[in-house]
Amino acid sequence: MWHARVVKARTSAAELVESGHVRVNGAREKSPGHAIKLGDVLTIALDRTVRVLKVMAFNDKRGDASSARVLYEELSDAKRN
């Protein structure tokens, strides 16, 4: 989530997972270290929205916003234009 710029900090991503606000393929995830695979669908309760993202690629480093957008496909209406 941090590499894809869904959250601003790694600690924020870990807190979301640990507090039960993240689902991987429909199953609630509690471990921040859980391995994600290509094609996995993440459901993230973030602030007052729910984002549903399909993992399309991975990146070794956190890049800028435009390079982060190719890492996932937005399946929810929360961020669509």
PDB file of N, CA and C in Angstrom:
ATOM      1  N   MET A   1       0.824  -1.191   0.000  1.00  0.00           N
ATOM      2  CA  MET A   1       0.000   0.000   0.000  1.00  0.00           C
ATOM      3  C   MET A   1       0.866   1.251   0.000  1.00  0.00           C
ATOM      4  N   TRP A   2       1.998   1.167   0.679  1.00  0.00           N
ATOM      5  CA  TRP A   2       2.884   2.320   0.734  1.00  0.00           C
ATOM      6  C   TRP A   2       3.553   2.549  -0.616  1.00  0.00           C
ATOM      7  N   HIS A   3       4.053   1.477  -1.251  1.00  0.00           N
ATOM      8  CA  HIS A   3       4.689   1.625  -2.566  1.00  0.00           C
ATOM      9  C   HIS A   3       3.711   2.183  -3.594  1.00  0.00           C
ATOM     10  N   ALA A   4       2.465   1.810  -3.486  1.00  0.00           N
ATOM     11  CA  ALA A   4       1.451   2.268  -4.441  1.00  0.00           C
ATOM     12  C   ALA A   4       0.850   3.609  -4.045  1.00  0.00           C
ATOM     13  N   ARG A   5       1.380   4.226  -2.987  1.00  0.00           N
ATOM     14  CA  ARG A   5       0.950   5.546  -2.519  1.00  0.00           C
ATOM     15  C   ARG A   5      -0.523   5.596  -2.101  1.00  0.00           C
ATOM     16  N   VAL A   6      -1.034   4.486  -1.589  1.00  0.00           N
ATOM     17  CA  VAL A   6      -2.392   4.462  -1.043  1.00  0.00           C
ATOM     18  C   VAL A   6      -2.386   5.140   0.329  1.00  0.00           C
ATOM     19  N   VAL A   7      -1.287   4.970   1.061  1.00  0.00           N
ATOM     20  CA  VAL A   7      -1.082   5.634   2.355  1.00  0.00           C
ATOM     21  C   VAL A   7       0.267   6.349   2.320  1.00  0.00           C
ATOM     22  N   LYS A   8       0.453   7.302   3.233  1.00  0.00           N
ATOM     23  CA  LYS A   8       1.668   8.121   3.218  1.00  0.00           C
ATOM     24  C   LYS A   8       2.869   7.470   3.894  1.00  0.00           C
ATOM     25  N   ALA A   9       2.638   6.562   4.828  1.00  0.00           N
ATOM     26  CA  ALA A   9       3.750   5.970   5.572  1.00  0.00           C
ATOM     27  C   ALA A   9       3.544   4.466   5.746  1.00  0.00           C
ATOM     28  N   ARG A  10       4.652   3.748   5.863  1.00  0.00           N
ATOM     29  CA  ARG A  10       4.584   2.297   6.094  1.00  0.00           C
ATOM     30  C   ARG A  10       3.868   1.984   7.400  1.00  0.00           C
ATOM     31  N   THR A  11       4.102   2.807   8.414  1.00  0.00           N
ATOM     32  CA  THR A  11       3.448   2.559   9.697  1.00  0.00           C
ATOM     33  C   THR A  11       1.935   2.698   9.570  1.00  0.00           C
ATOM     34  N   SER A  12       1.478   3.621   8.733  1.00  0.00           N
ATOM     35  CA  SER A  12       0.041   3.775   8.502  1.00  0.00           C
ATOM     36  C   SER A  12      -0.537   2.534   7.835  1.00  0.00           C
ATOM     37  N   ALA A  13       0.195   1.981   6.884  1.00  0.00           N
ATOM     38  CA  ALA A  13      -0.245   0.757   6.216  1.00  0.00           C
ATOM     39  C   ALA A  13      -0.337  -0.390   7.210  1.00  0.00           C
ATOM     40  N   ALA A  14       0.684  -0.528   8.052  1.00  0.00           N
ATOM     41  CA  ALA A  14       0.690  -1.604   9.055  1.00  0.00           C
ATOM     42  C   ALA A  14      -0.462  -1.441  10.035  1.00  0.00           C
ATOM     43  N   GLU A  15      -0.726  -0.222  10.461  1.00  0.00           N
ATOM     44  CA  GLU A  15      -1.826   0.031  11.395  1.00  0.00           C
ATOM     45  C   GLU A  15      -3.177  -0.305  10.773  1.00  0.00           C
ATOM     46  N   LEU A  16      -3.365   0.015   9.501  1.00  0.00           N
ATOM     47  CA  LEU A  16      -4.614  -0.334   8.826  1.00  0.00           C
ATOM     48  C   LEU A  16      -4.832  -1.839   8.815  1.00  0.00           C
ATOM     49  N   VAL A  17      -3.778  -2.572   8.499  1.00  0.00           N
ATOM     50  CA  VAL A  17      -3.870  -4.040   8.450  1.00  0.00           C
ATOM     51  C   VAL A  17      -4.146  -4.599   9.842  1.00  0.00           C
ATOM     52  N   GLU A  18      -3.360  -4.173  10.822  1.00  0.00           N
ATOM     53  CA  GLU A  18      -3.506  -4.698  12.181  1.00  0.00           C
ATOM     54  C   GLU A  18      -4.862  -4.393  12.793  1.00  0.00           C
ATOM     55  N   SER A  19      -5.464  -3.274  12.402  1.00  0.00           N
ATOM     56  CA  SER A  19      -6.771  -2.903  12.948  1.00  0.00           C
ATOM     57  C   SER A  19      -7.931  -3.511  12.165  1.00  0.00           C
ATOM     58  N   GLY A  20      -7.619  -4.337  11.160  1.00  0.00           N
ATOM     59  CA  GLY A  20      -8.676  -5.059  10.445  1.00  0.00           C
ATOM     60  C   GLY A  20      -9.344  -4.280   9.328  1.00  0.00           C
ATOM     61  N   HIS A  21      -8.698  -3.229   8.826  1.00  0.00           N
ATOM     62  CA  HIS A  21      -9.291  -2.403   7.780  1.00  0.00           C
ATOM     63  C   HIS A  21      -8.881  -2.822   6.372  1.00  0.00           C
ATOM     64  N   VAL A  22      -8.197  -3.968   6.252  1.00  0.00           N
ATOM     65  CA  VAL A  22      -7.735  -4.434   4.950  1.00  0.00           C
ATOM     66  C   VAL A  22      -8.186  -5.874   4.735  1.00  0.00           C
ATOM     67  N   ARG A  23      -8.734  -6.113   3.562  1.00  0.00           N
ATOM     68  CA  ARG A  23      -9.094  -7.472   3.153  1.00  0.00           C
ATOM     69  C   ARG A  23      -8.291  -7.822   1.910  1.00  0.00           C
ATOM     70  N   VAL A  24      -7.856  -9.070   1.839  1.00  0.00           N
ATOM     71  CA  VAL A  24      -7.154  -9.577   0.670  1.00  0.00           C
ATOM     72  C   VAL A  24      -8.023 -10.682   0.086  1.00  0.00           C
ATOM     73  N   ASN A  25      -8.504 -10.463  -1.121  1.00  0.00           N
ATOM     74  CA  ASN A  25      -9.414 -11.406  -1.785  1.00  0.00           C
ATOM     75  C   ASN A  25     -10.608 -11.745  -0.903  1.00  0.00           C
ATOM     76  N   GLY A  26     -11.114 -10.744  -0.200  1.00  0.00           N
ATOM     77  CA  GLY A  26     -12.312 -10.900   0.613  1.00  0.00           C
ATOM     78  C   GLY A  26     -12.074 -11.361   2.043  1.00  0.00           C
ATOM     79  N   ALA A  27     -10.870 -11.793   2.369  1.00  0.00           N
ATOM     80  CA  ALA A  27     -10.564 -12.277   3.722  1.00  0.00           C
ATOM     81  C   ALA A  27      -9.837 -11.184   4.502  1.00  0.00           C
ATOM     82  N   ARG A  28     -10.313 -10.923   5.720  1.00  0.00           N
ATOM     83  CA  ARG A  28      -9.685  -9.902   6.560  1.00  0.00           C
ATOM     84  C   ARG A  28      -8.252 -10.310   6.875  1.00  0.00           C
ATOM     85  N   GLU A  29      -7.333  -9.380   6.667  1.00  0.00           N
ATOM     86  CA  GLU A  29      -5.913  -9.648   6.917  1.00  0.00           C
ATOM     87  C   GLU A  29      -5.494  -8.948   8.201  1.00  0.00           C
ATOM     88  N   LYS A  30      -4.740  -9.637   9.051  1.00  0.00           N
ATOM     89  CA  LYS A  30      -4.276  -9.073  10.322  1.00  0.00           C
ATOM     90  C   LYS A  30      -2.760  -8.974  10.393  1.00  0.00           C
ATOM     91  N   SER A  31      -2.050  -9.526   9.414  1.00  0.00           N
ATOM     92  CA  SER A  31      -0.592  -9.531   9.433  1.00  0.00           C
ATOM     93  C   SER A  31      -0.034  -8.567   8.387  1.00  0.00           C
ATOM     94  N   PRO A  32       0.650  -7.486   8.817  1.00  0.00           N
ATOM     95  CA  PRO A  32       1.209  -6.535   7.853  1.00  0.00           C
ATOM     96  C   PRO A  32       2.222  -7.158   6.894  1.00  0.00           C
ATOM     97  N   GLY A  33       2.815  -8.271   7.249  1.00  0.00           N
ATOM     98  CA  GLY A  33       3.803  -8.921   6.405  1.00  0.00           C
ATOM     99  C   GLY A  33       3.233  -9.923   5.423  1.00  0.00           C
ATOM    100  N   HIS A  34       1.920 -10.004   5.316  1.00  0.00           N
ATOM    101  CA  HIS A  34       1.270 -10.963   4.418  1.00  0.00           C
ATOM    102  C   HIS A  34       1.708 -10.718   2.972  1.00  0.00           C
ATOM    103  N   ALA A  35       2.100 -11.778   2.275  1.00  0.00           N
ATOM    104  CA  ALA A  35       2.544 -11.657   0.884  1.00  0.00           C
ATOM    105  C   ALA A  35       1.349 -11.421  -0.039  1.00  0.00           C
ATOM    106  N   ILE A  36       1.500 -10.467  -0.907  1.00  0.00           N
ATOM    107  CA  ILE A  36       0.479 -10.139  -1.897  1.00  0.00           C
ATOM    108  C   ILE A  36       0.966 -10.637  -3.251  1.00  0.00           C
ATOM    109  N   LYS A  37       0.036 -11.186  -4.060  1.00  0.00           N
ATOM    110  CA  LYS A  37       0.387 -11.713  -5.370  1.00  0.00           C
ATOM    111  C   LYS A  37      -0.282 -10.886  -6.466  1.00  0.00           C
ATOM    112  N   LEU A  38       0.250 -10.975  -7.669  1.00  0.00           N
ATOM    113  CA  LEU A  38      -0.393 -10.330  -8.813  1.00  0.00           C
ATOM    114  C   LEU A  38      -1.815 -10.853  -8.940  1.00  0.00           C
ATOM    115  N   GLY A  39      -2.733  -9.956  -9.183  1.00  0.00           N
ATOM    116  CA  GLY A  39      -4.132 -10.341  -9.332  1.00  0.00           C
ATOM    117  C   GLY A  39      -4.927 -10.310  -8.047  1.00  0.00           C
ATOM    118  N   ASP A  40      -4.263 -10.207  -6.884  1.00  0.00           N
ATOM    119  CA  ASP A  40      -4.983 -10.104  -5.615  1.00  0.00           C
ATOM    120  C   ASP A  40      -5.822  -8.831  -5.598  1.00  0.00           C
ATOM    121  N   VAL A  41      -6.951  -8.903  -4.926  1.00  0.00           N
ATOM    122  CA  VAL A  41      -7.825  -7.741  -4.777  1.00  0.00           C
ATOM    123  C   VAL A  41      -7.786  -7.297  -3.316  1.00  0.00           C
ATOM    124  N   LEU A  42      -7.386  -6.054  -3.107  1.00  0.00           N
ATOM    125  CA  LEU A  42      -7.322  -5.473  -1.766  1.00  0.00           C
ATOM    126  C   LEU A  42      -8.516  -4.560  -1.559  1.00  0.00           C
ATOM    127  N   THR A  43      -9.196  -4.740  -0.447  1.00  0.00           N
ATOM    128  CA  THR A  43     -10.275  -3.852  -0.050  1.00  0.00           C
ATOM    129  C   THR A  43      -9.781  -3.112   1.175  1.00  0.00           C
ATOM    130  N   ILE A  44      -9.716  -1.787   1.062  1.00  0.00           N
ATOM    131  CA  ILE A  44      -9.105  -0.975   2.108  1.00  0.00           C
ATOM    132  C   ILE A  44     -10.095   0.069   2.595  1.00  0.00           C
ATOM    133  N   ALA A  45     -10.435   0.005   3.888  1.00  0.00           N
ATOM    134  CA  ALA A  45     -11.287   1.029   4.510  1.00  0.00           C
ATOM    135  C   ALA A  45     -10.365   2.160   4.933  1.00  0.00           C
ATOM    136  N   LEU A  46     -10.466   3.278   4.250  1.00  0.00           N
ATOM    137  CA  LEU A  46      -9.546   4.392   4.437  1.00  0.00           C
ATOM    138  C   LEU A  46     -10.339   5.665   4.660  1.00  0.00           C
ATOM    139  N   ASP A  47     -10.180   6.244   5.850  1.00  0.00           N
ATOM    140  CA  ASP A  47     -10.961   7.424   6.239  1.00  0.00           C
ATOM    141  C   ASP A  47     -12.446   7.089   6.129  1.00  0.00           C
ATOM    142  N   ARG A  48     -13.149   7.794   5.287  1.00  0.00           N
ATOM    143  CA  ARG A  48     -14.589   7.540   5.126  1.00  0.00           C
ATOM    144  C   ARG A  48     -14.920   6.908   3.781  1.00  0.00           C
ATOM    145  N   THR A  49     -13.910   6.309   3.148  1.00  0.00           N
ATOM    146  CA  THR A  49     -14.113   5.659   1.858  1.00  0.00           C
ATOM    147  C   THR A  49     -13.614   4.224   1.917  1.00  0.00           C
ATOM    148  N   VAL A  50     -14.035   3.457   0.954  1.00  0.00           N
ATOM    149  CA  VAL A  50     -13.528   2.099   0.791  1.00  0.00           C
ATOM    150  C   VAL A  50     -12.954   2.018  -0.616  1.00  0.00           C
ATOM    151  N   ARG A  51     -11.700   1.621  -0.693  1.00  0.00           N
ATOM    152  CA  ARG A  51     -11.064   1.470  -2.002  1.00  0.00           C
ATOM    153  C   ARG A  51     -10.867  -0.012  -2.276  1.00  0.00           C
ATOM    154  N   VAL A  52     -11.163  -0.400  -3.503  1.00  0.00           N
ATOM    155  CA  VAL A  52     -10.961  -1.774  -3.939  1.00  0.00           C
ATOM    156  C   VAL A  52      -9.948  -1.719  -5.073  1.00  0.00           C
ATOM    157  N   LEU A  53      -8.800  -2.355  -4.851  1.00  0.00           N
ATOM    158  CA  LEU A  53      -7.683  -2.282  -5.785  1.00  0.00           C
ATOM    159  C   LEU A  53      -7.239  -3.674  -6.203  1.00  0.00           C
ATOM    160  N   LYS A  54      -7.035  -3.854  -7.496  1.00  0.00           N
ATOM    161  CA  LYS A  54      -6.497  -5.111  -8.009  1.00  0.00           C
ATOM    162  C   LYS A  54      -5.010  -4.901  -8.265  1.00  0.00           C
ATOM    163  N   VAL A  55      -4.169  -5.771  -7.725  1.00  0.00           N
ATOM    164  CA  VAL A  55      -2.722  -5.662  -7.873  1.00  0.00           C
ATOM    165  C   VAL A  55      -2.336  -6.049  -9.301  1.00  0.00           C
ATOM    166  N   MET A  56      -1.708  -5.105 -10.007  1.00  0.00           N
ATOM    167  CA  MET A  56      -1.334  -5.319 -11.404  1.00  0.00           C
ATOM    168  C   MET A  56       0.180  -5.476 -11.594  1.00  0.00           C
ATOM    169  N   ALA A  57       0.968  -4.929 -10.661  1.00  0.00           N
ATOM    170  CA  ALA A  57       2.426  -4.974 -10.785  1.00  0.00           C
ATOM    171  C   ALA A  57       3.043  -4.667  -9.431  1.00  0.00           C
ATOM    172  N   PHE A  58       4.348  -4.860  -9.347  1.00  0.00           N
ATOM    173  CA  PHE A  58       5.093  -4.536  -8.134  1.00  0.00           C
ATOM    174  C   PHE A  58       6.234  -3.600  -8.505  1.00  0.00           C
ATOM    175  N   ASN A  59       6.750  -2.905  -7.500  1.00  0.00           N
ATOM    176  CA  ASN A  59       7.871  -2.014  -7.692  1.00  0.00           C
ATOM    177  C   ASN A  59       8.819  -2.191  -6.513  1.00  0.00           C
ATOM    178  N   ASP A  60      10.114  -2.182  -6.764  1.00  0.00           N
ATOM    179  CA  ASP A  60      11.101  -2.344  -5.691  1.00  0.00           C
ATOM    180  C   ASP A  60      11.204  -1.109  -4.811  1.00  0.00           C
ATOM    181  N   LYS A  61      10.980   0.056  -5.409  1.00  0.00           N
ATOM    182  CA  LYS A  61      11.093   1.314  -4.681  1.00  0.00           C
ATOM    183  C   LYS A  61       9.793   2.096  -4.796  1.00  0.00           C
ATOM    184  N   ARG A  62       9.590   2.983  -3.852  1.00  0.00           N
ATOM    185  CA  ARG A  62       8.434   3.870  -3.911  1.00  0.00           C
ATOM    186  C   ARG A  62       8.742   4.977  -4.908  1.00  0.00           C
ATOM    187  N   GLY A  63       7.927   5.081  -5.937  1.00  0.00           N
ATOM    188  CA  GLY A  63       8.147   6.089  -6.961  1.00  0.00           C
ATOM    189  C   GLY A  63       7.177   7.241  -6.829  1.00  0.00           C
ATOM    190  N   ASP A  64       7.115   8.042  -7.883  1.00  0.00           N
ATOM    191  CA  ASP A  64       6.186   9.160  -7.884  1.00  0.00           C
ATOM    192  C   ASP A  64       4.763   8.659  -8.130  1.00  0.00           C
ATOM    193  N   ALA A  65       3.820   9.573  -8.064  1.00  0.00           N
ATOM    194  CA  ALA A  65       2.402   9.198  -8.171  1.00  0.00           C
ATOM    195  C   ALA A  65       2.071   8.540  -9.506  1.00  0.00           C
ATOM    196  N   SER A  66       2.640   9.018 -10.589  1.00  0.00           N
ATOM    197  CA  SER A  66       2.315   8.435 -11.895  1.00  0.00           C
ATOM    198  C   SER A  66       2.830   7.006 -12.025  1.00  0.00           C
ATOM    199  N   SER A  67       4.008   6.721 -11.467  1.00  0.00           N
ATOM    200  CA  SER A  67       4.504   5.342 -11.528  1.00  0.00           C
ATOM    201  C   SER A  67       3.747   4.438 -10.565  1.00  0.00           C
ATOM    202  N   ALA A  68       3.203   4.993  -9.497  1.00  0.00           N
ATOM    203  CA  ALA A  68       2.420   4.201  -8.542  1.00  0.00           C
ATOM    204  C   ALA A  68       1.089   3.770  -9.135  1.00  0.00           C
ATOM    205  N   ARG A  69       0.502   4.588 -10.004  1.00  0.00           N
ATOM    206  CA  ARG A  69      -0.817   4.278 -10.572  1.00  0.00           C
ATOM    207  C   ARG A  69      -0.828   3.019 -11.430  1.00  0.00           C
ATOM    208  N   VAL A  70       0.308   2.623 -11.967  1.00  0.00           N
ATOM    209  CA  VAL A  70       0.343   1.421 -12.808  1.00  0.00           C
ATOM    210  C   VAL A  70       0.459   0.151 -11.978  1.00  0.00           C
ATOM    211  N   LEU A  71       0.622   0.283 -10.668  1.00  0.00           N
ATOM    212  CA  LEU A  71       0.762  -0.888  -9.808  1.00  0.00           C
ATOM    213  C   LEU A  71      -0.576  -1.542  -9.483  1.00  0.00           C
ATOM    214  N   TYR A  72      -1.666  -0.810  -9.677  1.00  0.00           N
ATOM    215  CA  TYR A  72      -2.990  -1.338  -9.339  1.00  0.00           C
ATOM    216  C   TYR A  72      -4.053  -0.808 -10.281  1.00  0.00           C
ATOM    217  N   GLU A  73      -5.160  -1.515 -10.300  1.00  0.00           N
ATOM    218  CA  GLU A  73      -6.346  -1.076 -11.025  1.00  0.00           C
ATOM    219  C   GLU A  73      -7.408  -0.755  -9.986  1.00  0.00           C
ATOM    220  N   GLU A  74      -7.968   0.421 -10.074  1.00  0.00           N
ATOM    221  CA  GLU A  74      -9.006   0.855  -9.135  1.00  0.00           C
ATOM    222  C   GLU A  74     -10.323   0.201  -9.539  1.00  0.00           C
ATOM    223  N   LEU A  75     -10.886  -0.626  -8.668  1.00  0.00           N
ATOM    224  CA  LEU A  75     -12.148  -1.308  -8.957  1.00  0.00           C
ATOM    225  C   LEU A  75     -13.327  -0.617  -8.294  1.00  0.00           C
ATOM    226  N   SER A  76     -13.050   0.247  -7.330  1.00  0.00           N
ATOM    227  CA  SER A  76     -14.125   0.959  -6.622  1.00  0.00           C
ATOM    228  C   SER A  76     -14.359   2.301  -7.288  1.00  0.00           C
ATOM    229  N   ASP A  77     -15.463   2.930  -6.952  1.00  0.00           N
ATOM    230  CA  ASP A  77     -15.800   4.237  -7.494  1.00  0.00           C
ATOM    231  C   ASP A  77     -15.191   5.376  -6.690  1.00  0.00           C
ATOM    232  N   ALA A  78     -14.538   5.095  -5.563  1.00  0.00           N
ATOM    233  CA  ALA A  78     -14.061   6.127  -4.654  1.00  0.00           C
ATOM    234  C   ALA A  78     -13.080   7.092  -5.303  1.00  0.00           C
ATOM    235  N   LYS A  79     -12.203   6.614  -6.168  1.00  0.00           N
ATOM    236  CA  LYS A  79     -11.175   7.482  -6.742  1.00  0.00           C
ATOM    237  C   LYS A  79     -11.287   7.618  -8.252  1.00  0.00           C
ATOM    238  N   ARG A  80     -12.301   7.084  -8.852  1.00  0.00           N
ATOM    239  CA  ARG A  80     -12.428   7.171 -10.317  1.00  0.00           C
ATOM    240  C   ARG A  80     -12.814   8.575 -10.726  1.00  0.00           C
ATOM    241  N   ASN A  81     -12.312   8.967 -11.895  1.00  0.00           N
ATOM    242  CA  ASN A  81     -12.666  10.268 -12.466  1.00  0.00           C
ATOM    243  C   ASN A  81     -13.626  10.093 -13.611  1.00  0.00           C
TER     244      ASN A  81
END
